[in-house]
Amino acid sequence: MKIDSSIAIIIGCTIIAASIYFSLTAHKSSFMKSCKIELGKNFKDKNIPVSPHDLRWTCETMFLNNGKLY
């Protein structure tokens, strides 16, 4: 019985960890997509040339700082 319960605990922890990981990556993915679209529109409206790398870096920074660009 100990082996069965140990296996069940390991599988349960793995499933919980995987669901947390996938929910966080889904949140980041949706934030990055909407951030790139909005920043791209803002820069285009103001005729400011920007590279895709700069957009990604800016959105990454904003994601890490809870939506604020310091």
Protein backbone atom coordinates (compact mmCIF):
# COMPACT_ATOMS: atom_id res chain seq x y z
CA MET A 1 0.00 0.00 0.00
CA LYS A 2 2.85 2.43 0.65
CA ILE A 3 4.12 2.21 -2.91
CA ASP A 4 0.66 2.85 -4.36
CA SER A 5 0.08 5.89 -2.15
CA SER A 6 3.56 7.25 -2.94
CA ILE A 7 2.92 6.92 -6.65
CA ALA A 8 -0.47 8.62 -6.27
CA ILE A 9 1.13 11.52 -4.36
CA ILE A 10 3.87 11.92 -6.98
CA ILE A 11 1.36 11.88 -9.84
CA GLY A 12 -0.90 14.33 -8.00
CA CYS A 13 1.96 16.77 -7.36
CA THR A 14 3.07 16.50 -10.98
CA ILE A 15 -0.43 17.27 -12.25
CA ILE A 16 -0.76 20.26 -9.92
CA ALA A 17 2.65 21.63 -10.92
CA ALA A 18 1.88 21.20 -14.62
CA SER A 19 -1.47 22.96 -14.32
CA ILE A 20 0.12 25.90 -12.48
CA TYR A 21 2.87 26.15 -15.11
CA PHE A 22 0.44 26.06 -18.04
CA SER A 23 -1.90 28.62 -16.47
CA LEU A 24 1.01 31.02 -15.91
CA THR A 25 2.34 30.60 -19.44
CA ALA A 26 -1.15 31.11 -20.88
CA HIS A 27 -1.50 34.33 -18.87
CA LYS A 28 1.89 35.59 -20.04
CA SER A 29 1.16 34.64 -23.63
CA SER A 30 -2.13 36.55 -23.71
CA PHE A 31 -0.50 39.56 -21.99
CA MET A 32 2.39 39.59 -24.45
CA LYS A 33 0.07 39.33 -27.46
CA SER A 34 -2.19 42.18 -26.36
CA CYS A 35 0.78 44.29 -25.23
CA LYS A 36 2.53 43.97 -28.60
CA ILE A 37 -0.66 44.88 -30.46
CA GLU A 38 -1.39 47.94 -28.31
CA LEU A 39 2.20 49.22 -28.28
CA GLY A 40 2.51 48.62 -32.01
CA LYS A 41 -0.63 50.70 -32.62
CA ASN A 42 0.61 53.49 -30.35
CA PHE A 43 4.02 53.67 -32.03
CA LYS A 44 2.47 53.50 -35.51
CA ASP A 45 -0.01 56.30 -34.71
CA LYS A 46 2.84 58.53 -33.53
CA ASN A 47 5.08 57.56 -36.50
CA ILE A 48 7.81 56.22 -34.21
CA PRO A 49 9.93 53.49 -35.80
CA VAL A 50 10.31 50.49 -33.51
CA SER A 51 11.76 47.03 -34.01
CA PRO A 52 9.98 43.82 -33.00
CA HIS A 53 12.80 43.17 -30.53
CA ASP A 54 12.11 46.49 -28.79
CA LEU A 55 8.40 45.69 -28.56
CA ARG A 56 9.14 42.28 -27.05
CA TRP A 57 11.63 43.74 -24.55
CA THR A 58 9.17 46.45 -23.50
CA CYS A 59 6.33 43.97 -23.03
CA GLU A 60 8.57 41.57 -21.09
CA THR A 61 9.58 44.41 -18.77
CA MET A 62 5.97 45.44 -18.28
CA PHE A 63 4.94 41.85 -17.55
CA LEU A 64 7.64 41.48 -14.91
CA ASN A 65 6.70 44.82 -13.32
CA ASN A 66 2.94 44.10 -13.19
CA GLY A 67 2.07 46.26 -16.18
CA LYS A 68 4.32 49.20 -15.34
CA LEU A 69 7.33 50.34 -17.32
CA TYR A 70 9.92 51.73 -14.91
